[in-house]
Amino acid sequence: MILLANPNANPVTTAAMCAIAAPWLADLQGWTAPTGPQVIVTPDQLDRAADGIAALHPPAECRGVIVAAFGDPGADRLAARLAVPVIGIGAAAARAAAQGGRAFAVATTTPALRDRIDALMQGQNGRYLGCHMTDSPNVMRDPYALDHALLDAVMGAAAAGAEAVIIGGGPLAQAAVRLAPLSPVPLIQPVPEAARAMARLLAR
């Protein structure tokens, strides 16, 4: 069994991410943070989520954990505790986006997390060009507004020279699927990238 751990306290988002990851990981089980915000939008919320993930005790039959929030809260600390692989969706997306040394950027909805996202992305080998943000996380309340705002951010990133763009956020996983056919450059979807990375690790 693979555990998809959602640090956001939103079981609907957990179910959606599990459905997206299922083609690569058939034995997937979701876990949702019991407390906290529905969507992590501030550094303080990210830090509290990290504490919750770091203290997670997966079932004995767990063979790997995906940390399904884009800032990868607590992933490193959890990996240090467990004997099974732990993959954060943010790092997995960054590795995929940076393949071949290409220039890449992030399109997302959380301006307050820009510095945290930048730090995570800059740890990869590609040329990270920065974050392109929607005006506010409030666009997430309306799928049409969310898609429109994210597509604007993707277009801005492509115009700035990005050869690939990551849609940055576990709760944005469904929007990433919808926008993939509309993007002028390859759109990197963090949940599938983490699922593929986990499947590769387990196949070794």
N, C-alpha and C. Protein backbone atom coordinates (compact mmCIF):
# COMPACT_ATOMS: atom_id res chain seq x y z
N MET A 1 0.83 -1.19 0.00
CA MET A 1 0.00 0.00 0.00
C MET A 1 0.88 1.26 0.00
N ILE A 2 0.49 2.22 -0.83
CA ILE A 2 1.15 3.53 -0.87
C ILE A 2 0.21 4.54 -0.23
N LEU A 3 0.73 5.37 0.66
CA LEU A 3 -0.07 6.37 1.34
C LEU A 3 0.11 7.73 0.66
N LEU A 4 -0.99 8.32 0.22
CA LEU A 4 -0.97 9.70 -0.27
C LEU A 4 -1.45 10.58 0.87
N ALA A 5 -0.53 11.33 1.45
CA ALA A 5 -0.82 12.14 2.63
C ALA A 5 -1.08 13.58 2.23
N ASN A 6 -2.29 14.04 2.47
CA ASN A 6 -2.68 15.41 2.13
C ASN A 6 -2.56 16.28 3.37
N PRO A 7 -1.59 17.20 3.43
CA PRO A 7 -1.45 18.08 4.59
C PRO A 7 -2.57 19.11 4.71
N ASN A 8 -3.34 19.31 3.64
CA ASN A 8 -4.53 20.17 3.69
C ASN A 8 -5.68 19.37 4.30
N ALA A 9 -6.48 20.01 5.13
CA ALA A 9 -7.58 19.31 5.81
C ALA A 9 -8.83 19.27 4.94
N ASN A 10 -8.68 18.66 3.78
CA ASN A 10 -9.78 18.63 2.81
C ASN A 10 -9.86 17.24 2.18
N PRO A 11 -10.78 16.39 2.67
CA PRO A 11 -10.87 15.03 2.13
C PRO A 11 -11.30 14.96 0.67
N VAL A 12 -12.02 15.97 0.20
CA VAL A 12 -12.42 15.99 -1.21
C VAL A 12 -11.17 16.12 -2.09
N THR A 13 -10.26 16.99 -1.69
CA THR A 13 -9.00 17.13 -2.42
C THR A 13 -8.18 15.84 -2.36
N THR A 14 -8.16 15.20 -1.21
CA THR A 14 -7.44 13.93 -1.09
C THR A 14 -7.98 12.91 -2.08
N ALA A 15 -9.30 12.78 -2.14
CA ALA A 15 -9.91 11.81 -3.06
C ALA A 15 -9.58 12.14 -4.51
N ALA A 16 -9.59 13.43 -4.85
CA ALA A 16 -9.28 13.84 -6.23
C ALA A 16 -7.83 13.50 -6.57
N MET A 17 -6.91 13.76 -5.65
CA MET A 17 -5.50 13.45 -5.92
C MET A 17 -5.26 11.95 -6.01
N CYS A 18 -5.95 11.18 -5.18
CA CYS A 18 -5.82 9.71 -5.27
C CYS A 18 -6.30 9.22 -6.64
N ALA A 19 -7.40 9.78 -7.12
CA ALA A 19 -7.91 9.37 -8.43
C ALA A 19 -6.92 9.71 -9.54
N ILE A 20 -6.25 10.85 -9.44
CA ILE A 20 -5.27 11.25 -10.44
C ILE A 20 -4.04 10.35 -10.40
N ALA A 21 -3.62 9.94 -9.19
CA ALA A 21 -2.42 9.12 -9.04
C ALA A 21 -2.66 7.64 -9.30
N ALA A 22 -3.92 7.21 -9.26
CA ALA A 22 -4.25 5.78 -9.32
C ALA A 22 -3.73 5.04 -10.55
N PRO A 23 -3.65 5.66 -11.74
CA PRO A 23 -3.13 4.90 -12.89
C PRO A 23 -1.72 4.36 -12.70
N TRP A 24 -0.94 4.98 -11.84
CA TRP A 24 0.44 4.53 -11.61
C TRP A 24 0.58 3.73 -10.32
N LEU A 25 -0.36 3.92 -9.40
CA LEU A 25 -0.26 3.28 -8.08
C LEU A 25 -1.62 2.70 -7.71
N ALA A 26 -1.81 1.45 -8.05
CA ALA A 26 -3.13 0.85 -7.85
C ALA A 26 -3.48 0.68 -6.37
N ASP A 27 -2.46 0.44 -5.54
CA ASP A 27 -2.72 0.17 -4.12
C ASP A 27 -2.54 1.44 -3.29
N LEU A 28 -3.27 2.48 -3.67
CA LEU A 28 -3.13 3.80 -3.06
C LEU A 28 -4.18 4.00 -1.98
N GLN A 29 -3.76 4.60 -0.89
CA GLN A 29 -4.68 4.95 0.19
C GLN A 29 -4.47 6.40 0.56
N GLY A 30 -5.54 7.15 0.71
CA GLY A 30 -5.44 8.56 1.06
C GLY A 30 -5.46 8.79 2.56
N TRP A 31 -4.79 9.84 2.97
CA TRP A 31 -4.82 10.33 4.35
C TRP A 31 -4.98 11.83 4.29
N THR A 32 -5.87 12.37 5.12
CA THR A 32 -6.13 13.80 5.15
C THR A 32 -5.79 14.35 6.52
N ALA A 33 -5.11 15.49 6.56
CA ALA A 33 -4.80 16.13 7.85
C ALA A 33 -6.09 16.31 8.66
N PRO A 34 -6.09 15.90 9.92
CA PRO A 34 -7.32 16.00 10.72
C PRO A 34 -7.66 17.42 11.14
N THR A 35 -6.68 18.30 11.15
CA THR A 35 -6.91 19.69 11.52
C THR A 35 -6.13 20.59 10.56
N GLY A 36 -6.44 21.89 10.62
CA GLY A 36 -5.73 22.84 9.78
C GLY A 36 -6.62 23.39 8.69
N PRO A 37 -6.04 24.19 7.80
CA PRO A 37 -6.83 24.83 6.75
C PRO A 37 -7.19 23.87 5.63
N GLN A 38 -8.26 24.20 4.93
CA GLN A 38 -8.65 23.43 3.74
C GLN A 38 -7.58 23.55 2.66
N VAL A 39 -6.96 24.72 2.58
CA VAL A 39 -5.88 24.96 1.62
C VAL A 39 -4.78 25.74 2.33
N ILE A 40 -3.56 25.26 2.28
CA ILE A 40 -2.43 25.94 2.90
C ILE A 40 -2.03 27.14 2.04
N VAL A 41 -2.05 28.34 2.64
CA VAL A 41 -1.75 29.54 1.85
C VAL A 41 -0.71 30.45 2.51
N THR A 42 -0.24 30.13 3.72
CA THR A 42 0.74 30.99 4.39
C THR A 42 1.91 30.15 4.89
N PRO A 43 3.07 30.78 5.11
CA PRO A 43 4.22 30.04 5.65
C PRO A 43 3.92 29.41 7.01
N ASP A 44 3.18 30.11 7.86
CA ASP A 44 2.85 29.55 9.17
C ASP A 44 2.01 28.28 9.04
N GLN A 45 1.04 28.30 8.14
CA GLN A 45 0.24 27.10 7.91
C GLN A 45 1.09 25.96 7.36
N LEU A 46 2.03 26.30 6.49
CA LEU A 46 2.92 25.28 5.93
C LEU A 46 3.78 24.66 7.03
N ASP A 47 4.27 25.49 7.95
CA ASP A 47 5.10 24.98 9.04
C ASP A 47 4.30 24.06 9.96
N ARG A 48 3.06 24.43 10.27
CA ARG A 48 2.23 23.58 11.12
C ARG A 48 1.91 22.26 10.41
N ALA A 49 1.67 22.34 9.11
CA ALA A 49 1.42 21.12 8.34
C ALA A 49 2.65 20.22 8.35
N ALA A 50 3.83 20.82 8.29
CA ALA A 50 5.07 20.04 8.32
C ALA A 50 5.19 19.25 9.61
N ASP A 51 4.80 19.86 10.72
CA ASP A 51 4.86 19.15 12.00
C ASP A 51 3.92 17.94 11.98
N GLY A 52 2.74 18.11 11.40
CA GLY A 52 1.80 17.00 11.32
C GLY A 52 2.30 15.87 10.45
N ILE A 53 2.88 16.20 9.31
CA ILE A 53 3.40 15.17 8.41
C ILE A 53 4.60 14.47 9.04
N ALA A 54 5.47 15.23 9.67
CA ALA A 54 6.67 14.64 10.28
C ALA A 54 6.32 13.63 11.37
N ALA A 55 5.17 13.81 12.01
CA ALA A 55 4.73 12.92 13.09
C ALA A 55 3.85 11.78 12.60
N LEU A 56 3.64 11.70 11.30
CA LEU A 56 2.73 10.69 10.74
C LEU A 56 3.26 9.27 10.98
N HIS A 57 2.34 8.36 11.30
CA HIS A 57 2.69 6.95 11.49
C HIS A 57 1.89 6.13 10.48
N PRO A 58 2.47 5.85 9.32
CA PRO A 58 1.75 5.07 8.31
C PRO A 58 1.49 3.65 8.79
N PRO A 59 0.50 2.98 8.21
CA PRO A 59 0.25 1.57 8.56
C PRO A 59 1.47 0.70 8.27
N ALA A 60 1.55 -0.43 8.95
CA ALA A 60 2.71 -1.30 8.82
C ALA A 60 2.92 -1.79 7.39
N GLU A 61 1.82 -1.92 6.63
CA GLU A 61 1.93 -2.43 5.27
C GLU A 61 2.30 -1.35 4.25
N CYS A 62 2.52 -0.13 4.70
CA CYS A 62 2.84 0.98 3.80
C CYS A 62 4.22 0.77 3.17
N ARG A 63 4.29 0.93 1.85
CA ARG A 63 5.55 0.76 1.12
C ARG A 63 6.13 2.08 0.63
N GLY A 64 5.42 3.18 0.86
CA GLY A 64 5.89 4.48 0.42
C GLY A 64 4.86 5.54 0.74
N VAL A 65 5.32 6.79 0.86
CA VAL A 65 4.44 7.91 1.19
C VAL A 65 4.65 9.04 0.18
N ILE A 66 3.56 9.55 -0.35
CA ILE A 66 3.58 10.77 -1.16
C ILE A 66 3.04 11.91 -0.31
N VAL A 67 3.83 12.96 -0.13
CA VAL A 67 3.37 14.15 0.59
C VAL A 67 2.76 15.08 -0.44
N ALA A 68 1.43 15.24 -0.37
CA ALA A 68 0.68 15.85 -1.46
C ALA A 68 0.28 17.29 -1.19
N ALA A 69 1.28 18.10 -0.84
CA ALA A 69 1.13 19.56 -0.82
C ALA A 69 2.38 20.12 -1.47
N PHE A 70 2.24 21.18 -2.25
CA PHE A 70 3.32 21.60 -3.14
C PHE A 70 4.59 22.04 -2.41
N GLY A 71 4.46 22.53 -1.20
CA GLY A 71 5.66 22.92 -0.44
C GLY A 71 6.37 21.76 0.20
N ASP A 72 5.86 20.54 0.00
CA ASP A 72 6.44 19.32 0.58
C ASP A 72 6.64 19.43 2.09
N PRO A 73 5.64 19.92 2.83
CA PRO A 73 5.83 20.13 4.27
C PRO A 73 6.11 18.82 5.01
N GLY A 74 7.20 18.82 5.76
CA GLY A 74 7.54 17.67 6.59
C GLY A 74 8.10 16.48 5.85
N ALA A 75 8.23 16.54 4.53
CA ALA A 75 8.66 15.37 3.77
C ALA A 75 10.06 14.91 4.16
N ASP A 76 10.99 15.83 4.31
CA ASP A 76 12.36 15.45 4.67
C ASP A 76 12.41 14.83 6.06
N ARG A 77 11.67 15.41 6.99
CA ARG A 77 11.67 14.88 8.36
C ARG A 77 11.01 13.51 8.41
N LEU A 78 9.95 13.32 7.66
CA LEU A 78 9.29 12.02 7.63
C LEU A 78 10.21 10.97 7.00
N ALA A 79 10.89 11.35 5.92
CA ALA A 79 11.80 10.43 5.24
C ALA A 79 12.93 9.99 6.17
N ALA A 80 13.37 10.88 7.05
CA ALA A 80 14.44 10.54 7.98
C ALA A 80 13.97 9.52 9.03
N ARG A 81 12.66 9.46 9.26
CA ARG A 81 12.11 8.54 10.26
C ARG A 81 11.75 7.18 9.70
N LEU A 82 11.35 7.15 8.43
CA LEU A 82 10.79 5.93 7.86
C LEU A 82 11.82 5.15 7.04
N ALA A 83 11.57 3.87 6.91
CA ALA A 83 12.43 3.01 6.10
C ALA A 83 11.90 2.85 4.68
N VAL A 84 10.81 3.54 4.36
CA VAL A 84 10.21 3.47 3.02
C VAL A 84 10.40 4.81 2.33
N PRO A 85 10.31 4.85 1.00
CA PRO A 85 10.50 6.12 0.29
C PRO A 85 9.41 7.13 0.59
N VAL A 86 9.81 8.39 0.69
CA VAL A 86 8.88 9.52 0.88
C VAL A 86 9.15 10.50 -0.25
N ILE A 87 8.12 10.85 -1.01
CA ILE A 87 8.27 11.74 -2.15
C ILE A 87 7.30 12.91 -1.99
N GLY A 88 7.82 14.12 -2.07
CA GLY A 88 6.97 15.30 -2.07
C GLY A 88 6.59 15.67 -3.49
N ILE A 89 5.35 16.10 -3.68
CA ILE A 89 4.92 16.41 -5.05
C ILE A 89 5.65 17.62 -5.61
N GLY A 90 6.09 18.54 -4.75
CA GLY A 90 6.81 19.71 -5.25
C GLY A 90 8.16 19.34 -5.82
N ALA A 91 8.94 18.57 -5.06
CA ALA A 91 10.26 18.15 -5.54
C ALA A 91 10.14 17.27 -6.78
N ALA A 92 9.14 16.38 -6.80
CA ALA A 92 8.95 15.51 -7.97
C ALA A 92 8.66 16.34 -9.22
N ALA A 93 7.81 17.35 -9.06
CA ALA A 93 7.48 18.21 -10.20
C ALA A 93 8.70 19.01 -10.65
N ALA A 94 9.49 19.50 -9.70
CA ALA A 94 10.68 20.27 -10.06
C ALA A 94 11.68 19.42 -10.83
N ARG A 95 11.86 18.17 -10.39
CA ARG A 95 12.79 17.29 -11.11
C ARG A 95 12.32 17.05 -12.54
N ALA A 96 11.02 16.85 -12.70
CA ALA A 96 10.49 16.62 -14.05
C ALA A 96 10.62 17.87 -14.91
N ALA A 97 10.32 19.02 -14.33
CA ALA A 97 10.39 20.27 -15.09
C ALA A 97 11.81 20.61 -15.50
N ALA A 98 12.78 20.24 -14.66
CA ALA A 98 14.17 20.61 -14.90
C ALA A 98 14.91 19.65 -15.82
N GLN A 99 14.25 18.62 -16.29
CA GLN A 99 14.92 17.62 -17.13
C GLN A 99 15.59 18.27 -18.34
N GLY A 100 16.81 17.86 -18.59
CA GLY A 100 17.55 18.41 -19.72
C GLY A 100 18.05 19.82 -19.51
N GLY A 101 17.94 20.30 -18.26
CA GLY A 101 18.39 21.66 -17.97
C GLY A 101 17.48 22.75 -18.49
N ARG A 102 16.22 22.39 -18.81
CA ARG A 102 15.35 23.40 -19.42
C ARG A 102 14.90 24.45 -18.41
N ALA A 103 14.55 25.60 -18.93
CA ALA A 103 14.02 26.68 -18.11
C ALA A 103 12.59 26.35 -17.72
N PHE A 104 12.27 26.57 -16.44
CA PHE A 104 10.92 26.27 -15.99
C PHE A 104 10.46 27.29 -14.97
N ALA A 105 9.16 27.32 -14.77
CA ALA A 105 8.54 28.25 -13.83
C ALA A 105 7.38 27.55 -13.15
N VAL A 106 6.81 28.23 -12.17
CA VAL A 106 5.65 27.73 -11.44
C VAL A 106 4.50 28.70 -11.63
N ALA A 107 3.31 28.16 -11.86
CA ALA A 107 2.08 28.95 -11.84
C ALA A 107 1.24 28.46 -10.67
N THR A 108 0.86 29.37 -9.78
CA THR A 108 0.13 28.94 -8.60
C THR A 108 -0.70 30.09 -8.02
N THR A 109 -1.35 29.80 -6.89
CA THR A 109 -2.37 30.72 -6.36
C THR A 109 -2.01 31.29 -4.99
N THR A 110 -0.79 31.06 -4.51
CA THR A 110 -0.46 31.41 -3.12
C THR A 110 0.71 32.38 -3.05
N PRO A 111 0.46 33.67 -3.23
CA PRO A 111 1.56 34.65 -3.22
C PRO A 111 2.38 34.64 -1.94
N ALA A 112 1.76 34.34 -0.80
CA ALA A 112 2.48 34.37 0.47
C ALA A 112 3.52 33.25 0.58
N LEU A 113 3.41 32.24 -0.27
CA LEU A 113 4.36 31.12 -0.23
C LEU A 113 5.46 31.24 -1.29
N ARG A 114 5.56 32.39 -1.93
CA ARG A 114 6.53 32.55 -3.01
C ARG A 114 7.95 32.17 -2.57
N ASP A 115 8.40 32.67 -1.42
CA ASP A 115 9.77 32.41 -0.99
C ASP A 115 10.01 30.92 -0.74
N ARG A 116 9.02 30.25 -0.15
CA ARG A 116 9.16 28.81 0.12
C ARG A 116 9.21 28.02 -1.19
N ILE A 117 8.36 28.40 -2.12
CA ILE A 117 8.35 27.72 -3.42
C ILE A 117 9.66 27.95 -4.15
N ASP A 118 10.13 29.20 -4.14
CA ASP A 118 11.40 29.51 -4.79
C ASP A 118 12.53 28.64 -4.23
N ALA A 119 12.59 28.52 -2.91
CA ALA A 119 13.67 27.74 -2.29
C ALA A 119 13.61 26.28 -2.72
N LEU A 120 12.41 25.72 -2.79
CA LEU A 120 12.25 24.32 -3.19
C LEU A 120 12.65 24.13 -4.66
N MET A 121 12.23 25.03 -5.51
CA MET A 121 12.49 24.90 -6.94
C MET A 121 13.96 25.13 -7.27
N GLN A 122 14.62 26.03 -6.55
CA GLN A 122 16.01 26.37 -6.86
C GLN A 122 16.97 25.25 -6.51
N GLY A 123 16.50 24.21 -5.84
CA GLY A 123 17.35 23.08 -5.53
C GLY A 123 17.51 22.11 -6.68
N GLN A 124 16.90 22.40 -7.83
CA GLN A 124 16.96 21.49 -8.98
C GLN A 124 18.00 21.97 -10.00
N ASN A 125 18.23 21.12 -11.01
CA ASN A 125 19.31 21.40 -11.97
C ASN A 125 18.90 22.34 -13.10
N GLY A 126 17.62 22.49 -13.34
CA GLY A 126 17.18 23.33 -14.44
C GLY A 126 17.30 24.81 -14.12
N ARG A 127 16.91 25.63 -15.05
CA ARG A 127 16.95 27.09 -14.86
C ARG A 127 15.57 27.54 -14.39
N TYR A 128 15.47 27.76 -13.09
CA TYR A 128 14.19 28.16 -12.51
C TYR A 128 13.99 29.66 -12.70
N LEU A 129 12.88 30.03 -13.31
CA LEU A 129 12.61 31.43 -13.65
C LEU A 129 11.69 32.13 -12.67
N GLY A 130 11.14 31.39 -11.70
CA GLY A 130 10.31 32.04 -10.69
C GLY A 130 8.85 31.63 -10.74
N CYS A 131 8.09 32.26 -9.85
CA CYS A 131 6.65 31.98 -9.71
C CYS A 131 5.83 33.02 -10.45
N HIS A 132 4.78 32.56 -11.08
CA HIS A 132 3.78 33.44 -11.67
C HIS A 132 2.47 33.16 -10.94
N MET A 133 1.97 34.19 -10.26
CA MET A 133 0.88 34.02 -9.32
C MET A 133 -0.45 34.55 -9.85
N THR A 134 -1.52 33.91 -9.40
CA THR A 134 -2.84 34.53 -9.52
C THR A 134 -2.91 35.64 -8.48
N ASP A 135 -3.90 36.50 -8.60
CA ASP A 135 -4.00 37.63 -7.68
C ASP A 135 -4.23 37.19 -6.24
N SER A 136 -4.96 36.10 -6.05
CA SER A 136 -5.37 35.70 -4.71
C SER A 136 -5.74 34.22 -4.71
N PRO A 137 -5.57 33.54 -3.55
CA PRO A 137 -6.06 32.16 -3.45
C PRO A 137 -7.58 32.05 -3.58
N ASN A 138 -8.28 33.18 -3.49
CA ASN A 138 -9.75 33.14 -3.54
C ASN A 138 -10.29 32.61 -4.86
N VAL A 139 -9.49 32.66 -5.92
CA VAL A 139 -9.97 32.13 -7.21
C VAL A 139 -10.25 30.64 -7.14
N MET A 140 -9.72 29.97 -6.13
CA MET A 140 -9.93 28.53 -6.02
C MET A 140 -11.38 28.17 -5.71
N ARG A 141 -12.17 29.16 -5.31
CA ARG A 141 -13.58 28.88 -4.99
C ARG A 141 -14.42 28.64 -6.24
N ASP A 142 -13.92 29.06 -7.39
CA ASP A 142 -14.69 28.96 -8.64
C ASP A 142 -13.80 28.31 -9.70
N PRO A 143 -14.10 27.08 -10.12
CA PRO A 143 -13.23 26.40 -11.08
C PRO A 143 -13.00 27.19 -12.36
N TYR A 144 -14.03 27.89 -12.85
CA TYR A 144 -13.87 28.67 -14.09
C TYR A 144 -12.87 29.81 -13.86
N ALA A 145 -13.05 30.54 -12.76
CA ALA A 145 -12.13 31.64 -12.45
C ALA A 145 -10.72 31.11 -12.20
N LEU A 146 -10.63 29.97 -11.54
CA LEU A 146 -9.33 29.37 -11.26
C LEU A 146 -8.61 29.02 -12.56
N ASP A 147 -9.31 28.35 -13.47
CA ASP A 147 -8.67 27.97 -14.73
C ASP A 147 -8.23 29.20 -15.51
N HIS A 148 -9.07 30.22 -15.55
CA HIS A 148 -8.73 31.44 -16.29
C HIS A 148 -7.49 32.11 -15.68
N ALA A 149 -7.47 32.23 -14.35
CA ALA A 149 -6.35 32.91 -13.69
C ALA A 149 -5.06 32.10 -13.83
N LEU A 150 -5.16 30.79 -13.68
CA LEU A 150 -3.96 29.96 -13.81
C LEU A 150 -3.43 29.96 -15.24
N LEU A 151 -4.34 29.93 -16.21
CA LEU A 151 -3.89 29.96 -17.60
C LEU A 151 -3.18 31.27 -17.91
N ASP A 152 -3.68 32.38 -17.36
CA ASP A 152 -2.98 33.66 -17.52
C ASP A 152 -1.56 33.57 -16.94
N ALA A 153 -1.44 32.93 -15.77
CA ALA A 153 -0.12 32.79 -15.15
C ALA A 153 0.79 31.91 -16.00
N VAL A 154 0.24 30.84 -16.56
CA VAL A 154 1.02 29.96 -17.44
C VAL A 154 1.50 30.73 -18.67
N MET A 155 0.61 31.50 -19.27
CA MET A 155 0.97 32.28 -20.45
C MET A 155 2.08 33.28 -20.12
N GLY A 156 1.97 33.90 -18.93
CA GLY A 156 3.01 34.83 -18.51
C GLY A 156 4.36 34.15 -18.33
N ALA A 157 4.33 32.96 -17.76
CA ALA A 157 5.57 32.21 -17.56
C ALA A 157 6.19 31.82 -18.89
N ALA A 158 5.36 31.38 -19.83
CA ALA A 158 5.87 31.01 -21.15
C ALA A 158 6.46 32.22 -21.87
N ALA A 159 5.79 33.36 -21.74
CA ALA A 159 6.29 34.59 -22.37
C ALA A 159 7.62 35.02 -21.77
N ALA A 160 7.84 34.68 -20.50
CA ALA A 160 9.09 35.03 -19.83
C ALA A 160 10.22 34.05 -20.14
N GLY A 161 9.93 33.03 -20.94
CA GLY A 161 10.97 32.10 -21.36
C GLY A 161 10.90 30.71 -20.79
N ALA A 162 9.87 30.41 -20.01
CA ALA A 162 9.76 29.06 -19.44
C ALA A 162 9.48 28.05 -20.54
N GLU A 163 10.24 26.96 -20.51
CA GLU A 163 10.04 25.87 -21.47
C GLU A 163 9.12 24.79 -20.90
N ALA A 164 8.83 24.88 -19.62
CA ALA A 164 7.86 24.02 -18.94
C ALA A 164 7.33 24.80 -17.75
N VAL A 165 6.08 24.55 -17.39
CA VAL A 165 5.46 25.26 -16.27
C VAL A 165 4.80 24.24 -15.35
N ILE A 166 5.10 24.37 -14.07
CA ILE A 166 4.49 23.53 -13.04
C ILE A 166 3.24 24.22 -12.51
N ILE A 167 2.14 23.48 -12.43
CA ILE A 167 0.97 23.98 -11.71
C ILE A 167 1.18 23.61 -10.25
N GLY A 168 1.46 24.61 -9.43
CA GLY A 168 1.96 24.37 -8.08
C GLY A 168 0.89 24.30 -7.02
N GLY A 169 0.48 23.07 -6.69
CA GLY A 169 -0.44 22.90 -5.58
C GLY A 169 -1.22 21.60 -5.65
N GLY A 170 -1.24 20.85 -4.54
CA GLY A 170 -2.05 19.65 -4.51
C GLY A 170 -3.51 19.92 -4.80
N PRO A 171 -4.11 20.95 -4.17
CA PRO A 171 -5.51 21.26 -4.46
C PRO A 171 -5.75 21.76 -5.89
N LEU A 172 -4.68 22.04 -6.63
CA LEU A 172 -4.81 22.48 -8.03
C LEU A 172 -4.68 21.31 -9.01
N ALA A 173 -4.64 20.09 -8.49
CA ALA A 173 -4.38 18.92 -9.34
C ALA A 173 -5.40 18.77 -10.45
N GLN A 174 -6.68 19.00 -10.14
CA GLN A 174 -7.70 18.86 -11.17
C GLN A 174 -7.60 19.97 -12.20
N ALA A 175 -7.27 21.19 -11.74
CA ALA A 175 -7.07 22.30 -12.68
C ALA A 175 -5.91 22.01 -13.62
N ALA A 176 -4.85 21.39 -13.10
CA ALA A 176 -3.70 21.06 -13.95
C ALA A 176 -4.10 20.10 -15.06
N VAL A 177 -4.95 19.15 -14.75
CA VAL A 177 -5.43 18.22 -15.77
C VAL A 177 -6.23 18.96 -16.84
N ARG A 178 -7.11 19.86 -16.40
CA ARG A 178 -7.95 20.61 -17.35
C ARG A 178 -7.13 21.53 -18.24
N LEU A 179 -6.07 22.11 -17.70
CA LEU A 179 -5.32 23.12 -18.45
C LEU A 179 -4.24 22.53 -19.35
N ALA A 180 -3.87 21.29 -19.12
CA ALA A 180 -2.77 20.70 -19.90
C ALA A 180 -2.94 20.85 -21.41
N PRO A 181 -4.15 20.62 -21.97
CA PRO A 181 -4.28 20.76 -23.43
C PRO A 181 -4.21 22.20 -23.93
N LEU A 182 -4.32 23.17 -23.02
CA LEU A 182 -4.38 24.58 -23.41
C LEU A 182 -3.03 25.28 -23.29
N SER A 183 -2.09 24.66 -22.63
CA SER A 183 -0.82 25.33 -22.35
C SER A 183 0.07 25.38 -23.59
N PRO A 184 0.76 26.51 -23.83
CA PRO A 184 1.67 26.61 -24.98
C PRO A 184 2.99 25.88 -24.76
N VAL A 185 3.26 25.47 -23.53
CA VAL A 185 4.48 24.71 -23.20
C VAL A 185 4.06 23.51 -22.35
N PRO A 186 4.93 22.50 -22.21
CA PRO A 186 4.57 21.36 -21.37
C PRO A 186 4.17 21.80 -19.96
N LEU A 187 3.05 21.29 -19.51
CA LEU A 187 2.53 21.61 -18.19
C LEU A 187 2.85 20.44 -17.26
N ILE A 188 3.57 20.72 -16.21
CA ILE A 188 4.01 19.68 -15.27
C ILE A 188 2.98 19.58 -14.15
N GLN A 189 2.45 18.37 -13.98
CA GLN A 189 1.42 18.12 -12.97
C GLN A 189 2.07 17.39 -11.78
N PRO A 190 2.13 18.02 -10.61
CA PRO A 190 2.89 17.44 -9.50
C PRO A 190 2.40 16.07 -9.02
N VAL A 191 1.11 15.85 -8.95
CA VAL A 191 0.63 14.56 -8.43
C VAL A 191 1.02 13.40 -9.35
N PRO A 192 0.77 13.48 -10.66
CA PRO A 192 1.24 12.39 -11.52
C PRO A 192 2.76 12.20 -11.49
N GLU A 193 3.51 13.30 -11.41
CA GLU A 193 4.97 13.16 -11.37
C GLU A 193 5.41 12.41 -10.11
N ALA A 194 4.81 12.72 -8.98
CA ALA A 194 5.15 12.00 -7.75
C ALA A 194 4.74 10.54 -7.83
N ALA A 195 3.57 10.28 -8.41
CA ALA A 195 3.11 8.89 -8.55
C ALA A 195 4.04 8.10 -9.45
N ARG A 196 4.45 8.69 -10.57
CA ARG A 196 5.38 8.00 -11.47
C ARG A 196 6.72 7.75 -10.78
N ALA A 197 7.19 8.75 -10.05
CA ALA A 197 8.47 8.59 -9.35
C ALA A 197 8.39 7.47 -8.31
N MET A 198 7.28 7.40 -7.59
CA MET A 198 7.12 6.34 -6.60
C MET A 198 7.06 4.97 -7.28
N ALA A 199 6.32 4.88 -8.37
CA ALA A 199 6.22 3.61 -9.09
C ALA A 199 7.59 3.15 -9.58
N ARG A 200 8.41 4.09 -10.07
CA ARG A 200 9.76 3.72 -10.53
C ARG A 200 10.62 3.21 -9.37
N LEU A 201 10.53 3.89 -8.24
CA LEU A 201 11.32 3.46 -7.08
C LEU A 201 10.94 2.05 -6.64
N LEU A 202 9.65 1.78 -6.59
CA LEU A 202 9.18 0.49 -6.10
C LEU A 202 9.44 -0.64 -7.08
N ALA A 203 9.65 -0.28 -8.35
CA ALA A 203 9.90 -1.31 -9.37
C ALA A 203 11.36 -1.76 -9.40
N ARG A 204 12.22 -1.08 -8.69
CA ARG A 204 13.64 -1.42 -8.72
C ARG A 204 13.91 -2.75 -8.00
